[in-house]
């Protein structure tokens, strides 16, 4: 697992900022190279920042912490590009599991 980077993006509420972990292998099927636009979105990510937490009359603590490697919902969250780096902001509910 890589160490968490300092990022100038602070999620709000129960949102989490993650950086998708890209596979180092290039996908090749039957000798055909799949272009980046056709590749599936990675579902593993590293947690970089947490919001303030959910507040419905009570404060709820996050189940994840900065530096955790997590499995996220395939179509959850919003992709954000900041300083030429791709991040995803998603609700904690879109995090399916903690890896390790």
N, C-alpha and C. Protein backbone atom coordinates (compact mmCIF):
# COMPACT_ATOMS: atom_id res chain seq x y z
N UNK A 1 0.85 -1.18 0.00
CA UNK A 1 0.00 0.00 0.00
C UNK A 1 0.89 1.24 0.00
N UNK A 2 0.52 2.22 -0.78
CA UNK A 2 1.29 3.45 -0.84
C UNK A 2 0.87 4.37 0.31
N UNK A 3 1.71 5.34 0.60
CA UNK A 3 1.37 6.28 1.66
C UNK A 3 0.43 7.34 1.11
N UNK A 4 -0.41 7.85 1.98
CA UNK A 4 -1.39 8.86 1.57
C UNK A 4 -0.69 10.16 1.22
N UNK A 5 -1.12 10.77 0.14
CA UNK A 5 -0.56 12.04 -0.30
C UNK A 5 -1.34 13.19 0.31
N UNK A 6 -0.67 14.33 0.51
CA UNK A 6 -1.38 15.53 0.95
C UNK A 6 -2.04 16.15 -0.26
N UNK A 7 -3.35 16.36 -0.16
CA UNK A 7 -4.12 16.90 -1.26
C UNK A 7 -4.90 18.09 -0.74
N UNK A 8 -5.03 19.13 -1.56
CA UNK A 8 -5.77 20.33 -1.16
C UNK A 8 -7.25 20.23 -1.48
N UNK A 9 -7.80 19.03 -1.40
CA UNK A 9 -9.23 18.82 -1.61
C UNK A 9 -9.79 18.26 -0.31
N UNK A 10 -10.79 18.94 0.26
CA UNK A 10 -11.40 18.50 1.51
C UNK A 10 -12.85 18.12 1.23
N UNK A 11 -13.19 16.82 1.28
CA UNK A 11 -14.57 16.42 1.05
C UNK A 11 -15.49 16.91 2.17
N UNK A 12 -16.76 17.08 1.85
CA UNK A 12 -17.74 17.56 2.82
C UNK A 12 -18.67 16.43 3.24
N UNK A 13 -19.25 16.56 4.43
CA UNK A 13 -20.24 15.60 4.91
C UNK A 13 -19.67 14.20 5.02
N UNK A 14 -20.42 13.22 4.50
CA UNK A 14 -19.99 11.83 4.58
C UNK A 14 -19.25 11.37 3.33
N UNK A 15 -18.62 12.31 2.66
CA UNK A 15 -17.88 11.98 1.43
C UNK A 15 -16.42 11.67 1.73
N UNK A 16 -15.84 10.88 0.83
CA UNK A 16 -14.46 10.41 0.97
C UNK A 16 -13.73 10.69 -0.33
N UNK A 17 -12.49 11.18 -0.23
CA UNK A 17 -11.65 11.40 -1.40
C UNK A 17 -10.72 10.20 -1.53
N UNK A 18 -10.75 9.55 -2.70
CA UNK A 18 -9.89 8.39 -2.94
C UNK A 18 -9.13 8.58 -4.24
N UNK A 19 -8.02 7.89 -4.33
CA UNK A 19 -7.24 7.86 -5.57
C UNK A 19 -7.27 6.43 -6.08
N UNK A 20 -7.86 6.21 -7.25
CA UNK A 20 -7.92 4.85 -7.80
C UNK A 20 -6.52 4.27 -7.98
N UNK A 21 -6.38 2.99 -7.64
CA UNK A 21 -5.12 2.28 -7.79
C UNK A 21 -5.16 1.61 -9.15
N UNK A 22 -4.30 2.05 -10.05
CA UNK A 22 -4.27 1.51 -11.41
C UNK A 22 -3.46 0.22 -11.44
N UNK A 23 -3.89 -0.70 -12.26
CA UNK A 23 -3.16 -1.94 -12.47
C UNK A 23 -1.92 -1.63 -13.30
N UNK A 24 -0.80 -2.23 -12.94
CA UNK A 24 0.44 -1.97 -13.68
C UNK A 24 0.51 -2.77 -14.97
N UNK A 25 -0.37 -3.76 -15.14
CA UNK A 25 -0.36 -4.57 -16.35
C UNK A 25 -1.27 -3.95 -17.40
N UNK A 26 -0.82 -4.04 -18.63
CA UNK A 26 -1.65 -3.60 -19.75
C UNK A 26 -2.53 -4.76 -20.15
N UNK A 27 -3.81 -4.52 -20.33
CA UNK A 27 -4.74 -5.59 -20.66
C UNK A 27 -4.62 -5.96 -22.14
N UNK A 28 -4.36 -7.23 -22.40
CA UNK A 28 -4.28 -7.71 -23.76
C UNK A 28 -5.12 -8.98 -23.86
N UNK A 29 -6.06 -9.00 -24.80
CA UNK A 29 -6.91 -10.17 -25.01
C UNK A 29 -6.77 -10.61 -26.46
N UNK A 30 -6.27 -11.82 -26.65
CA UNK A 30 -6.14 -12.35 -28.00
C UNK A 30 -5.21 -11.54 -28.87
N UNK A 31 -4.22 -10.88 -28.27
CA UNK A 31 -3.27 -10.08 -29.03
C UNK A 31 -3.75 -8.69 -29.36
N UNK A 32 -4.96 -8.32 -28.90
CA UNK A 32 -5.50 -6.99 -29.17
C UNK A 32 -5.31 -6.13 -27.94
N UNK A 33 -4.70 -4.98 -28.12
CA UNK A 33 -4.49 -4.05 -27.01
C UNK A 33 -5.74 -3.21 -26.84
N UNK A 34 -6.24 -3.19 -25.62
CA UNK A 34 -7.47 -2.44 -25.32
C UNK A 34 -7.09 -1.00 -25.00
N UNK A 35 -7.66 -0.01 -25.70
CA UNK A 35 -7.34 1.39 -25.42
C UNK A 35 -7.83 1.81 -24.04
N UNK A 36 -7.21 2.85 -23.48
CA UNK A 36 -7.57 3.33 -22.15
C UNK A 36 -9.05 3.69 -22.04
N UNK A 37 -9.62 4.23 -23.10
CA UNK A 37 -11.03 4.63 -23.05
C UNK A 37 -11.97 3.44 -22.91
N UNK A 38 -11.54 2.25 -23.30
CA UNK A 38 -12.39 1.07 -23.23
C UNK A 38 -12.14 0.22 -21.99
N UNK A 39 -11.10 0.55 -21.23
CA UNK A 39 -10.78 -0.23 -20.03
C UNK A 39 -11.79 0.06 -18.93
N UNK A 40 -12.00 -0.94 -18.09
CA UNK A 40 -12.92 -0.77 -16.97
C UNK A 40 -12.29 0.12 -15.91
N UNK A 41 -13.14 0.85 -15.23
CA UNK A 41 -12.71 1.71 -14.14
C UNK A 41 -12.19 0.83 -13.00
N UNK A 42 -11.04 1.18 -12.41
CA UNK A 42 -10.54 0.37 -11.30
C UNK A 42 -11.48 0.42 -10.10
N UNK A 43 -11.56 -0.67 -9.38
CA UNK A 43 -12.45 -0.71 -8.23
C UNK A 43 -11.68 -0.70 -6.91
N UNK A 44 -10.36 -0.62 -6.96
CA UNK A 44 -9.55 -0.52 -5.76
C UNK A 44 -8.99 0.89 -5.69
N UNK A 45 -9.02 1.47 -4.49
CA UNK A 45 -8.57 2.86 -4.33
C UNK A 45 -7.96 3.05 -2.94
N UNK A 46 -7.19 4.12 -2.81
CA UNK A 46 -6.59 4.50 -1.53
C UNK A 46 -7.31 5.73 -0.98
N UNK A 47 -7.68 5.69 0.30
CA UNK A 47 -8.37 6.80 0.93
C UNK A 47 -7.37 7.90 1.23
N UNK A 48 -7.64 9.13 0.72
CA UNK A 48 -6.73 10.26 0.92
C UNK A 48 -7.27 11.29 1.90
N UNK A 49 -8.60 11.45 1.97
CA UNK A 49 -9.18 12.46 2.87
C UNK A 49 -10.62 12.07 3.19
N UNK A 50 -11.07 12.50 4.38
CA UNK A 50 -12.43 12.24 4.84
C UNK A 50 -13.14 13.55 5.10
N UNK A 51 -14.46 13.55 4.93
CA UNK A 51 -15.26 14.72 5.25
C UNK A 51 -15.48 14.82 6.75
N UNK A 52 -16.50 15.59 7.15
CA UNK A 52 -16.80 15.80 8.57
C UNK A 52 -17.60 14.66 9.17
N UNK A 53 -18.19 13.81 8.36
CA UNK A 53 -19.03 12.72 8.85
C UNK A 53 -20.49 13.02 8.63
N UNK A 54 -21.30 12.00 8.75
CA UNK A 54 -22.73 12.12 8.54
C UNK A 54 -23.39 12.67 9.79
N UNK A 55 -24.32 13.58 9.62
CA UNK A 55 -25.00 14.19 10.75
C UNK A 55 -26.51 14.15 10.52
N UNK A 56 -27.16 13.19 11.14
CA UNK A 56 -28.62 13.10 11.11
C UNK A 56 -29.12 13.18 12.55
N UNK A 57 -28.82 14.29 13.20
CA UNK A 57 -29.13 14.42 14.61
C UNK A 57 -28.04 13.82 15.49
N UNK A 58 -27.26 12.90 14.94
CA UNK A 58 -26.13 12.28 15.64
C UNK A 58 -24.93 12.31 14.72
N UNK A 59 -23.75 12.28 15.31
CA UNK A 59 -22.52 12.18 14.53
C UNK A 59 -22.17 10.70 14.35
N UNK A 60 -21.86 10.33 13.12
CA UNK A 60 -21.46 8.97 12.83
C UNK A 60 -20.00 8.97 12.40
N UNK A 61 -19.19 8.15 13.02
CA UNK A 61 -17.77 8.06 12.68
C UNK A 61 -17.60 7.27 11.38
N UNK A 62 -16.55 7.58 10.65
CA UNK A 62 -16.24 6.85 9.42
C UNK A 62 -15.74 5.45 9.76
N UNK A 63 -16.03 4.49 8.90
CA UNK A 63 -15.53 3.13 9.05
C UNK A 63 -14.13 2.98 8.46
N UNK A 64 -13.73 3.94 7.63
CA UNK A 64 -12.40 3.91 7.00
C UNK A 64 -11.56 5.04 7.55
N UNK A 65 -10.25 4.95 7.32
CA UNK A 65 -9.34 6.03 7.73
C UNK A 65 -8.40 6.34 6.58
N UNK A 66 -7.75 7.48 6.64
CA UNK A 66 -6.81 7.88 5.61
C UNK A 66 -5.69 6.84 5.51
N UNK A 67 -5.39 6.43 4.29
CA UNK A 67 -4.36 5.44 4.05
C UNK A 67 -4.91 4.05 3.79
N UNK A 68 -6.19 3.80 4.13
CA UNK A 68 -6.80 2.50 3.87
C UNK A 68 -6.91 2.24 2.38
N UNK A 69 -6.74 0.99 1.99
CA UNK A 69 -7.00 0.59 0.62
C UNK A 69 -8.38 -0.05 0.63
N UNK A 70 -9.25 0.42 -0.26
CA UNK A 70 -10.65 0.01 -0.25
C UNK A 70 -11.11 -0.46 -1.62
N UNK A 71 -12.21 -1.21 -1.62
CA UNK A 71 -12.88 -1.59 -2.86
C UNK A 71 -14.11 -0.70 -2.95
N UNK A 72 -14.23 -0.01 -4.08
CA UNK A 72 -15.33 0.95 -4.24
C UNK A 72 -16.31 0.44 -5.29
N UNK A 73 -17.52 0.98 -5.23
CA UNK A 73 -18.55 0.65 -6.20
C UNK A 73 -18.08 1.06 -7.60
N UNK A 74 -18.32 0.22 -8.57
CA UNK A 74 -17.81 0.43 -9.93
C UNK A 74 -18.27 1.76 -10.52
N UNK A 75 -19.52 2.14 -10.28
CA UNK A 75 -20.04 3.36 -10.88
C UNK A 75 -20.32 4.43 -9.83
N UNK A 76 -19.79 4.28 -8.63
CA UNK A 76 -20.03 5.25 -7.56
C UNK A 76 -19.08 6.43 -7.65
N UNK A 77 -19.51 7.55 -7.13
CA UNK A 77 -18.66 8.71 -7.01
C UNK A 77 -18.55 9.57 -8.25
N UNK A 78 -17.78 10.63 -8.09
CA UNK A 78 -17.54 11.60 -9.15
C UNK A 78 -16.05 11.72 -9.38
N UNK A 79 -15.61 11.56 -10.62
CA UNK A 79 -14.20 11.70 -10.95
C UNK A 79 -13.82 13.17 -11.00
N UNK A 80 -12.67 13.51 -10.40
CA UNK A 80 -12.19 14.88 -10.35
C UNK A 80 -10.72 14.87 -10.76
N UNK A 81 -10.34 15.80 -11.64
CA UNK A 81 -8.94 15.92 -12.03
C UNK A 81 -8.39 17.19 -11.38
N UNK A 82 -7.34 17.05 -10.58
CA UNK A 82 -6.74 18.19 -9.88
C UNK A 82 -5.23 18.06 -9.97
N UNK A 83 -4.55 19.07 -10.47
CA UNK A 83 -3.10 19.04 -10.70
C UNK A 83 -2.69 17.82 -11.53
N UNK A 84 -3.45 17.54 -12.58
CA UNK A 84 -3.18 16.43 -13.51
C UNK A 84 -3.23 15.05 -12.86
N UNK A 85 -3.89 14.93 -11.71
CA UNK A 85 -4.06 13.64 -11.05
C UNK A 85 -5.55 13.37 -10.94
N UNK A 86 -5.96 12.14 -11.25
CA UNK A 86 -7.36 11.75 -11.22
C UNK A 86 -7.74 11.23 -9.83
N UNK A 87 -8.78 11.82 -9.24
CA UNK A 87 -9.30 11.42 -7.94
C UNK A 87 -10.78 11.08 -8.09
N UNK A 88 -11.35 10.44 -7.07
CA UNK A 88 -12.78 10.18 -7.03
C UNK A 88 -13.31 10.63 -5.68
N UNK A 89 -14.41 11.37 -5.70
CA UNK A 89 -15.10 11.75 -4.47
C UNK A 89 -16.39 10.94 -4.42
N UNK A 90 -16.58 10.20 -3.33
CA UNK A 90 -17.76 9.36 -3.22
C UNK A 90 -18.27 9.33 -1.80
N UNK A 91 -19.51 8.90 -1.64
CA UNK A 91 -20.08 8.75 -0.31
C UNK A 91 -19.50 7.50 0.33
N UNK A 92 -19.43 7.49 1.65
CA UNK A 92 -18.90 6.32 2.34
C UNK A 92 -19.71 5.07 2.00
N UNK A 93 -20.99 5.23 1.69
CA UNK A 93 -21.85 4.10 1.32
C UNK A 93 -21.38 3.41 0.04
N UNK A 94 -20.63 4.12 -0.81
CA UNK A 94 -20.12 3.54 -2.05
C UNK A 94 -18.85 2.74 -1.83
N UNK A 95 -18.32 2.71 -0.61
CA UNK A 95 -17.17 1.88 -0.29
C UNK A 95 -17.70 0.52 0.14
N UNK A 96 -17.26 -0.51 -0.55
CA UNK A 96 -17.79 -1.86 -0.31
C UNK A 96 -17.00 -2.65 0.71
N UNK A 97 -15.66 -2.44 0.78
CA UNK A 97 -14.83 -3.23 1.68
C UNK A 97 -13.48 -2.55 1.89
N UNK A 98 -12.84 -2.89 2.98
CA UNK A 98 -11.46 -2.47 3.24
C UNK A 98 -10.57 -3.67 2.93
N UNK A 99 -9.51 -3.43 2.16
CA UNK A 99 -8.59 -4.50 1.77
C UNK A 99 -7.50 -4.62 2.84
N UNK A 100 -7.26 -5.83 3.27
CA UNK A 100 -6.19 -6.09 4.24
C UNK A 100 -6.60 -5.91 5.60
